[in-house]
Amino acid sequence: MLAYRDLPQVGRSSGGRQRVRYVRRIEQIPNIPPEQRDKLKRVTEVYAFRANDYYLKLIDWNDPQDPIRQLIIPRLDELNDWGRLDPSNEAAVTVAHGVQHKYPDTVLLLCNEVCGAYCRYCFRKRLFMNDNDEATNNVSAGLDYVARHPEVTNVLLTGGDPLLMSTRRLRDIIGLLRRIHHVRIIRIGSKMPAFDPYRILGDPELQELLSRHSTSRRRIYLMAHFDHPRELTDIACEGIDAFIRCGVICVNQCPLVKGVNDDPDVLADLYGKLSHIGCQPYYLFQGRPTAGNEPYEVPIVRGWQILREASCRESGLARRVRYVMSHATGKLEILAVDDRYIYLRFHRAKDPALRGALLTCKRNDEAFWLDDLEIVETDRPIGNEPAALFSNSRELE
């Protein structure tokens, strides 16, 4: 494999490191009329707000329905009484401070409690509340846990956004993970390629770090997070190219978000452009029923219809995405919908007995989550009351 010094230098066309300016108060955005800012400030007092000047420039302020605006500018209906702060019961799989272990081969390290900006539909917005300490800057407990569990081959750095950490801290964490022989894949879950492409383009030390540790036998994966094709600016595409040149495998995962990408043309455009730049569409998530997220939710049936229509408009490379729901019981793939039923399969499952299980549910065009569905049949015996097993999953929390 080529050493870093042998790689073509990336990011030079961007003029070196450019630091974005962060905006932490809604009052700092002059494009929003003062009377609206006063109302939206109430939302930011409940759910954190953060943006930056690079990303704000992508907004068409003349369009109140602009999709980039919907992604990061608060809305009053976020204050509706709807949803839960931990809808997938991540607390139940937290095995140490900042460490989640739900599936045998994968461990999550919540190593940062800040993001480059805050997506309004975030399913972990609880991490950014003042009284929450789930994420941790000290990952020693997580590293020790991973080292003691040889079944763990994948470690996902998440939070918060790991790429908002300093390169020095990333070097420490990735270097220590690479000393654990059974860890084959390190994943970095990040929206920084959309929020701030200069994070990699202007940092040769980060490029060197990735190049050194993403090897032919033990790869680093970037789990990128582009929600809309307008995020794929020229500089953002350069950023993805920088990751690829450093030997990083790039894939994209994003939720279906009302007002942003809940349109077959938009979703097909996004997936087509991602395939063009070598960032493979990976997961399309059903939005979790998280507190504050009601204005961004799309029903399951409509989501499946959108993806089905979008998939007919692009090449095979752009349509390998799976439509999934990260439920407390596991990751369910939404396979199909007909006039009577919704068909789901456990793509991953917390309970080994559920792995690969096929669920047939009554079609409900208003349902947003598994808990809203009536399960009528499974392809294997799962207790005496399979429907109750899922409909009562809220009690797990």
Protein backbone atom coordinates (compact mmCIF):
# COMPACT_ATOMS: atom_id res chain seq x y z
CA MET A 1 0.00 0.00 0.00
CA LEU A 2 1.28 3.50 -0.80
CA ALA A 3 2.68 5.50 2.08
CA TYR A 4 1.10 8.86 2.79
CA ARG A 5 4.08 10.74 1.36
CA ASP A 6 3.51 8.95 -1.97
CA LEU A 7 -0.13 10.01 -2.23
CA PRO A 8 -1.15 13.02 -4.32
CA GLN A 9 -1.77 15.86 -1.87
CA VAL A 10 -5.44 16.65 -1.50
CA GLY A 11 -7.19 19.87 -0.66
CA ARG A 12 -4.75 22.28 -2.28
CA SER A 13 -7.38 23.67 -4.61
CA SER A 14 -9.26 24.72 -1.50
CA GLY A 15 -6.53 27.12 -0.49
CA GLY A 16 -5.41 25.21 2.60
CA ARG A 17 -7.14 25.14 5.95
CA GLN A 18 -10.19 27.36 6.15
CA ARG A 19 -11.84 27.58 9.53
CA VAL A 20 -15.57 27.96 9.60
CA ARG A 21 -17.19 30.36 12.03
CA TYR A 22 -19.65 28.72 14.39
CA VAL A 23 -23.01 30.21 15.26
CA ARG A 24 -24.41 29.16 18.63
CA ARG A 25 -27.34 31.54 19.05
CA ILE A 26 -30.33 31.94 16.77
CA GLU A 27 -30.07 35.72 17.30
CA GLN A 28 -26.81 35.67 15.31
CA ILE A 29 -28.58 34.83 12.04
CA PRO A 30 -29.67 38.10 10.41
CA ASN A 31 -31.62 36.30 7.66
CA ILE A 32 -34.30 35.37 10.20
CA PRO A 33 -36.63 38.29 11.06
CA PRO A 34 -36.31 39.45 14.70
CA GLU A 35 -39.87 38.45 15.62
CA GLN A 36 -39.22 34.90 14.37
CA ARG A 37 -35.90 34.73 16.17
CA ASP A 38 -37.59 35.56 19.47
CA LYS A 39 -40.03 32.67 19.02
CA LEU A 40 -37.39 30.19 17.86
CA LYS A 41 -35.21 31.05 20.84
CA ARG A 42 -37.76 29.15 22.96
CA VAL A 43 -36.98 26.01 20.94
CA THR A 44 -33.22 26.43 21.36
CA GLU A 45 -33.69 26.62 25.11
CA VAL A 46 -35.02 23.05 24.99
CA TYR A 47 -33.08 21.51 22.08
CA ALA A 48 -29.56 22.72 21.30
CA PHE A 49 -28.84 24.90 18.27
CA ARG A 50 -25.52 25.18 16.44
CA ALA A 51 -24.57 26.00 12.85
CA ASN A 52 -21.66 27.48 10.92
CA ASP A 53 -21.17 30.07 8.21
CA TYR A 54 -20.21 27.54 5.50
CA TYR A 55 -23.42 25.55 5.93
CA LEU A 56 -25.68 28.56 6.41
CA LYS A 57 -24.57 29.85 3.01
CA LEU A 58 -26.18 26.81 1.40
CA ILE A 59 -29.63 28.04 2.44
CA ASP A 60 -31.90 29.89 0.02
CA TRP A 61 -33.38 32.35 2.52
CA ASN A 62 -36.05 33.40 0.03
CA ASP A 63 -37.56 29.93 0.26
CA PRO A 64 -39.17 29.23 3.68
CA GLN A 65 -39.29 25.52 2.74
CA ASP A 66 -35.63 25.34 1.74
CA PRO A 67 -34.42 21.82 2.66
CA ILE A 68 -31.08 22.95 4.12
CA ARG A 69 -32.99 25.40 6.28
CA GLN A 70 -35.24 22.57 7.47
CA LEU A 71 -32.16 20.60 8.49
CA ILE A 72 -30.67 23.05 10.99
CA ILE A 73 -33.03 25.98 11.68
CA PRO A 74 -35.42 25.26 14.59
CA ARG A 75 -39.18 25.06 14.18
CA LEU A 76 -41.79 25.89 16.79
CA ASP A 77 -43.56 22.56 16.38
CA GLU A 78 -40.48 20.82 17.77
CA LEU A 79 -42.03 21.76 21.12
CA ASN A 80 -45.07 19.55 20.48
CA ASP A 81 -45.54 16.82 23.08
CA TRP A 82 -44.40 13.87 20.97
CA GLY A 83 -41.83 11.11 21.17
CA ARG A 84 -39.16 10.10 23.68
CA LEU A 85 -35.57 11.18 24.19
CA ASP A 86 -34.26 7.60 23.87
CA PRO A 87 -36.73 5.90 21.51
CA SER A 88 -34.44 2.96 20.72
CA ASN A 89 -33.58 2.35 24.38
CA GLU A 90 -29.84 2.82 23.95
CA ALA A 91 -29.61 2.94 27.74
CA ALA A 92 -30.32 -0.81 27.80
CA VAL A 93 -27.21 -1.61 25.73
CA THR A 94 -24.85 0.81 27.50
CA VAL A 95 -22.22 -1.41 29.10
CA ALA A 96 -19.86 1.31 30.37
CA HIS A 97 -19.66 5.09 30.32
CA GLY A 98 -19.92 6.09 26.64
CA VAL A 99 -19.93 2.47 25.44
CA GLN A 100 -22.84 0.69 23.71
CA HIS A 101 -22.79 -3.00 22.75
CA LYS A 102 -25.99 -4.20 21.09
CA TYR A 103 -24.75 -6.63 18.42
CA PRO A 104 -21.93 -9.13 19.08
CA ASP A 105 -19.35 -7.83 16.61
CA THR A 106 -19.92 -4.07 16.92
CA VAL A 107 -19.26 -1.63 19.77
CA LEU A 108 -20.11 2.08 19.75
CA LEU A 109 -17.84 4.57 21.51
CA LEU A 110 -19.65 7.86 22.21
CA CYS A 111 -16.41 9.81 22.26
CA ASN A 112 -17.67 13.34 21.71
CA GLU A 113 -20.70 15.33 22.85
CA VAL A 114 -20.59 18.10 20.23
CA CYS A 115 -21.44 18.19 16.50
CA GLY A 116 -20.41 20.56 13.73
CA ALA A 117 -24.06 21.65 13.64
CA TYR A 118 -27.17 20.14 15.13
CA CYS A 119 -29.61 18.43 12.80
CA ARG A 120 -33.09 19.29 14.04
CA TYR A 121 -34.25 15.67 13.67
CA CYS A 122 -31.30 14.24 15.66
CA PHE A 123 -32.17 11.01 17.49
CA ARG A 124 -29.49 11.63 20.15
CA LYS A 125 -30.37 15.22 21.01
CA ARG A 126 -30.41 14.13 24.65
CA LEU A 127 -26.59 14.10 24.50
CA PHE A 128 -26.56 17.86 23.99
CA MET A 129 -28.68 18.67 27.00
CA ASN A 130 -27.00 20.17 30.06
CA ASP A 131 -27.83 17.31 32.42
CA ASN A 132 -26.62 14.50 30.13
CA ASP A 133 -23.23 12.83 30.47
CA GLU A 134 -23.62 9.72 28.28
CA ALA A 135 -20.78 10.73 25.95
CA THR A 136 -17.28 10.91 27.38
CA ASN A 137 -13.95 12.45 26.42
CA ASN A 138 -12.21 9.60 28.27
CA VAL A 139 -12.54 6.45 26.18
CA SER A 140 -10.27 4.31 28.34
CA ALA A 141 -13.22 2.30 29.69
CA GLY A 142 -14.41 1.68 26.14
CA LEU A 143 -10.99 0.61 24.92
CA ASP A 144 -10.63 -1.74 27.87
CA TYR A 145 -14.07 -3.22 27.18
CA VAL A 146 -13.25 -3.80 23.50
CA ALA A 147 -9.90 -5.38 24.36
CA ARG A 148 -11.67 -7.87 26.67
CA HIS A 149 -14.22 -8.91 24.01
CA PRO A 150 -12.54 -10.74 21.11
CA GLU A 151 -15.87 -11.10 19.29
CA VAL A 152 -15.78 -7.34 18.58
CA THR A 153 -14.40 -6.76 15.09
CA ASN A 154 -16.02 -3.36 14.43
CA VAL A 155 -15.77 -0.22 16.53
CA LEU A 156 -17.86 2.82 15.64
CA LEU A 157 -16.64 6.21 16.84
CA THR A 158 -19.71 8.37 17.25
CA GLY A 159 -21.34 10.79 19.65
CA GLY A 160 -21.53 13.75 18.84
CA ASP A 161 -19.18 13.96 15.92
CA PRO A 162 -15.71 12.41 16.24
CA LEU A 163 -14.26 14.60 13.47
CA LEU A 164 -14.95 17.66 15.57
CA MET A 165 -12.29 16.39 17.96
CA SER A 166 -8.68 17.43 17.49
CA THR A 167 -6.46 15.32 15.26
CA ARG A 168 -4.29 14.64 18.31
CA ARG A 169 -7.20 13.02 20.14
CA LEU A 170 -8.21 11.05 17.07
CA ARG A 171 -4.62 9.86 16.73
CA ASP A 172 -4.64 8.61 20.32
CA ILE A 173 -7.98 6.78 20.00
CA ILE A 174 -7.37 5.24 16.56
CA GLY A 175 -3.80 4.31 17.47
CA LEU A 176 -4.94 2.48 20.60
CA LEU A 177 -7.71 0.69 18.72
CA ARG A 178 -5.19 -0.50 16.14
CA ARG A 179 -3.26 -2.19 18.95
CA ILE A 180 -6.29 -4.42 19.60
CA HIS A 181 -5.73 -7.23 17.12
CA HIS A 182 -9.33 -8.43 16.80
CA VAL A 183 -10.62 -4.95 15.81
CA ARG A 184 -10.58 -5.13 12.02
CA ILE A 185 -12.77 -2.15 11.15
CA ILE A 186 -12.86 1.32 12.67
CA ARG A 187 -15.89 3.34 11.63
CA ILE A 188 -16.13 7.10 11.97
CA GLY A 189 -19.72 8.33 12.01
CA SER A 190 -19.64 11.95 10.89
CA LYS A 191 -21.60 14.73 9.21
CA MET A 192 -18.51 16.94 9.04
CA PRO A 193 -18.04 16.12 5.32
CA ALA A 194 -21.34 18.00 4.82
CA PHE A 195 -21.00 20.60 7.60
CA ASP A 196 -17.30 21.44 7.14
CA PRO A 197 -15.35 19.74 4.30
CA TYR A 198 -12.28 21.78 5.24
CA ARG A 199 -11.89 19.57 8.31
CA ILE A 200 -9.99 17.05 6.17
CA LEU A 201 -8.98 19.20 3.21
CA GLY A 202 -6.97 21.59 5.33
CA ASP A 203 -5.46 19.08 7.76
CA PRO A 204 -2.50 17.08 6.38
CA GLU A 205 -2.02 15.47 9.81
CA LEU A 206 -5.51 14.00 9.68
CA GLN A 207 -4.86 12.75 6.16
CA GLU A 208 -1.63 11.12 7.31
CA LEU A 209 -3.38 9.52 10.29
CA LEU A 210 -6.12 8.00 8.12
CA SER A 211 -3.65 6.81 5.49
CA ARG A 212 -1.49 5.09 8.08
CA HIS A 213 -4.31 3.23 9.81
CA SER A 214 -6.63 2.36 6.91
CA THR A 215 -4.72 -0.58 5.48
CA SER A 216 -5.42 -3.35 3.01
CA ARG A 217 -6.44 -5.74 5.80
CA ARG A 218 -7.86 -3.37 8.43
CA ARG A 219 -9.89 -0.54 6.96
CA ILE A 220 -11.26 2.68 8.33
CA TYR A 221 -14.80 3.42 7.15
CA LEU A 222 -16.33 6.87 6.97
CA MET A 223 -20.04 6.65 7.73
CA ALA A 224 -20.89 9.95 6.02
CA HIS A 225 -24.19 11.72 6.49
CA PHE A 226 -25.46 13.61 3.45
CA ASP A 227 -29.23 14.18 3.60
CA HIS A 228 -29.81 16.25 0.47
CA PRO A 229 -28.00 16.60 -2.89
CA ARG A 230 -27.38 20.32 -2.29
CA GLU A 231 -24.99 19.34 0.50
CA LEU A 232 -22.77 17.75 -2.17
CA THR A 233 -21.01 20.98 -3.09
CA ASP A 234 -17.80 20.94 -5.10
CA ILE A 235 -15.78 21.35 -1.91
CA ALA A 236 -17.73 18.58 -0.16
CA CYS A 237 -16.98 16.24 -3.07
CA GLU A 238 -13.31 17.18 -2.78
CA GLY A 239 -13.54 16.24 0.87
CA ILE A 240 -14.88 12.77 0.06
CA ASP A 241 -12.13 12.38 -2.52
CA ALA A 242 -9.59 13.22 0.20
CA PHE A 243 -10.92 10.42 2.41
CA ILE A 244 -10.81 7.96 -0.51
CA ARG A 245 -7.24 8.92 -1.40
CA CYS A 246 -6.29 8.19 2.21
CA GLY A 247 -7.59 4.65 1.83
CA VAL A 248 -10.84 5.23 3.72
CA ILE A 249 -13.97 3.40 2.52
CA CYS A 250 -16.82 5.92 2.29
CA VAL A 251 -20.49 5.05 2.67
CA ASN A 252 -23.51 7.23 3.37
CA GLN A 253 -26.37 6.78 5.79
CA CYS A 254 -29.18 9.20 6.47
CA PRO A 255 -32.77 9.23 7.68
CA LEU A 256 -35.83 9.97 5.59
CA VAL A 257 -36.73 13.51 6.67
CA LYS A 258 -39.99 15.29 5.91
CA GLY A 259 -39.36 18.45 3.90
CA VAL A 260 -35.77 17.47 3.12
CA ASN A 261 -35.51 14.22 1.13
CA ASP A 262 -39.03 12.71 1.23
CA ASP A 263 -39.32 12.98 -2.53
CA PRO A 264 -38.33 10.26 -5.05
CA ASP A 265 -36.59 12.75 -7.35
CA VAL A 266 -34.54 14.24 -4.51
CA LEU A 267 -33.59 10.87 -3.08
CA ALA A 268 -32.66 9.47 -6.51
CA ASP A 269 -30.54 12.56 -7.18
CA LEU A 270 -28.79 12.18 -3.82
CA TYR A 271 -28.03 8.50 -4.32
CA GLY A 272 -26.91 9.00 -7.90
CA LYS A 273 -24.47 11.76 -6.96
CA LEU A 274 -23.15 9.78 -4.00
CA SER A 275 -22.42 6.82 -6.28
CA HIS A 276 -20.64 9.13 -8.72
CA ILE A 277 -18.18 10.32 -6.05
CA GLY A 278 -17.56 6.89 -4.56
CA CYS A 279 -19.61 7.28 -1.37
CA GLN A 280 -21.87 4.24 -1.45
CA PRO A 281 -25.50 4.67 -0.26
CA TYR A 282 -25.71 2.30 2.73
CA TYR A 283 -28.71 2.82 5.03
CA LEU A 284 -31.85 4.91 4.69
CA PHE A 285 -33.22 5.14 8.22
CA GLN A 286 -36.83 5.40 9.24
CA GLY A 287 -36.88 8.45 11.54
CA ARG A 288 -36.94 7.47 15.19
CA PRO A 289 -39.84 8.78 17.30
CA THR A 290 -37.56 11.11 19.23
CA ALA A 291 -38.88 13.97 21.35
CA GLY A 292 -39.04 17.11 19.22
CA ASN A 293 -38.99 15.24 15.91
CA GLU A 294 -42.67 15.20 14.98
CA PRO A 295 -42.34 17.80 12.16
CA TYR A 296 -39.66 15.69 10.45
CA GLU A 297 -41.29 12.25 10.50
CA VAL A 298 -42.46 10.29 7.45
CA PRO A 299 -44.83 7.27 7.81
CA ILE A 300 -43.34 3.85 7.07
CA VAL A 301 -45.57 3.10 4.07
CA ARG A 302 -44.87 6.45 2.45
CA GLY A 303 -41.15 6.01 3.10
CA TRP A 304 -41.13 2.63 1.38
CA GLN A 305 -43.01 4.07 -1.59
CA ILE A 306 -40.54 6.95 -1.89
CA LEU A 307 -37.51 4.65 -1.86
CA ARG A 308 -39.13 2.23 -4.33
CA GLU A 309 -39.81 5.07 -6.79
CA ALA A 310 -36.34 6.56 -6.29
CA SER A 311 -34.66 3.18 -6.87
CA CYS A 312 -36.18 2.93 -10.34
CA ARG A 313 -34.38 6.08 -11.47
CA GLU A 314 -30.71 5.27 -10.85
CA SER A 315 -28.13 2.59 -11.65
CA GLY A 316 -27.55 -0.48 -9.52
CA LEU A 317 -24.63 1.20 -7.77
CA ALA A 318 -26.97 3.89 -6.49
CA ARG A 319 -29.70 1.54 -5.29
CA ARG A 320 -27.95 -0.84 -2.90
CA VAL A 321 -29.30 1.09 0.08
CA ARG A 322 -31.36 -0.72 2.75
CA TYR A 323 -34.40 0.95 4.30
CA VAL A 324 -34.15 0.16 8.00
CA MET A 325 -35.58 0.97 11.41
CA SER A 326 -33.27 1.01 14.46
CA HIS A 327 -35.68 -0.29 17.05
CA ALA A 328 -34.92 -1.27 20.65
CA THR A 329 -35.14 -4.94 19.60
CA GLY A 330 -32.79 -4.56 16.63
CA LYS A 331 -32.38 -3.20 13.13
CA LEU A 332 -35.37 -4.16 10.97
CA GLU A 333 -35.28 -3.89 7.21
CA ILE A 334 -38.53 -2.69 5.64
CA LEU A 335 -38.78 -5.17 2.78
CA ALA A 336 -42.11 -4.54 1.09
CA VAL A 337 -45.65 -3.22 1.38
CA ASP A 338 -48.75 -4.55 -0.32
CA ASP A 339 -52.46 -3.77 -0.01
CA ARG A 340 -52.76 -5.66 3.29
CA TYR A 341 -49.37 -5.99 4.91
CA ILE A 342 -45.99 -4.46 5.73
CA TYR A 343 -43.13 -6.99 5.64
CA LEU A 344 -40.12 -6.54 7.91
CA ARG A 345 -37.01 -8.64 8.55
CA PHE A 346 -34.54 -8.37 11.39
CA HIS A 347 -31.38 -7.29 9.62
CA ARG A 348 -29.70 -7.34 13.05
CA ALA A 349 -31.22 -8.30 16.40
CA LYS A 350 -30.36 -7.85 20.05
CA ASP A 351 -31.95 -11.23 20.87
CA PRO A 352 -30.29 -14.10 18.93
CA ALA A 353 -33.73 -15.72 18.53
CA LEU A 354 -34.85 -12.78 16.40
CA ARG A 355 -31.93 -12.70 13.97
CA GLY A 356 -33.30 -12.92 10.44
CA ALA A 357 -36.89 -13.22 11.66
CA LEU A 358 -39.56 -12.15 9.16
CA LEU A 359 -42.49 -10.15 10.54
CA THR A 360 -45.76 -9.64 8.71
CA CYS A 361 -47.71 -6.63 10.01
CA LYS A 362 -51.09 -5.20 9.14
CA ARG A 363 -50.70 -2.31 6.77
CA ASN A 364 -51.09 1.00 8.60
CA ASP A 365 -50.44 4.08 6.50
CA GLU A 366 -50.25 6.27 9.60
CA ALA A 367 -47.62 4.18 11.43
CA PHE A 368 -44.20 5.69 12.04
CA TRP A 369 -42.58 2.92 14.13
CA LEU A 370 -42.75 -0.78 14.86
CA ASP A 371 -44.62 -0.04 18.08
CA ASP A 372 -47.46 1.41 15.97
CA LEU A 373 -47.88 -1.80 13.98
CA GLU A 374 -49.89 -4.95 14.65
CA ILE A 375 -47.78 -8.04 14.00
CA VAL A 376 -49.95 -10.81 12.57
CA GLU A 377 -47.36 -13.46 11.71
CA THR A 378 -43.70 -14.40 12.20
CA ASP A 379 -41.71 -17.09 10.38
CA ARG A 380 -40.52 -18.68 13.62
CA PRO A 381 -41.87 -19.21 17.12
CA ILE A 382 -41.09 -16.17 19.26
CA GLY A 383 -42.94 -16.72 22.49
CA ASN A 384 -46.70 -17.00 22.78
CA GLU A 385 -47.60 -13.36 22.13
CA PRO A 386 -45.27 -11.95 19.46
CA ALA A 387 -47.38 -8.84 18.94
CA ALA A 388 -47.20 -7.94 22.63
CA LEU A 389 -43.43 -8.42 22.59
CA PHE A 390 -43.06 -5.42 20.30
CA SER A 391 -46.05 -3.28 21.12
CA ASN A 392 -44.92 -3.17 24.74
CA SER A 393 -41.32 -2.31 23.93
CA ARG A 394 -41.81 1.15 25.42
CA GLU A 395 -41.89 -0.55 28.81
CA LEU A 396 -38.22 -1.45 28.33
CA GLU A 397 -37.38 2.19 28.87
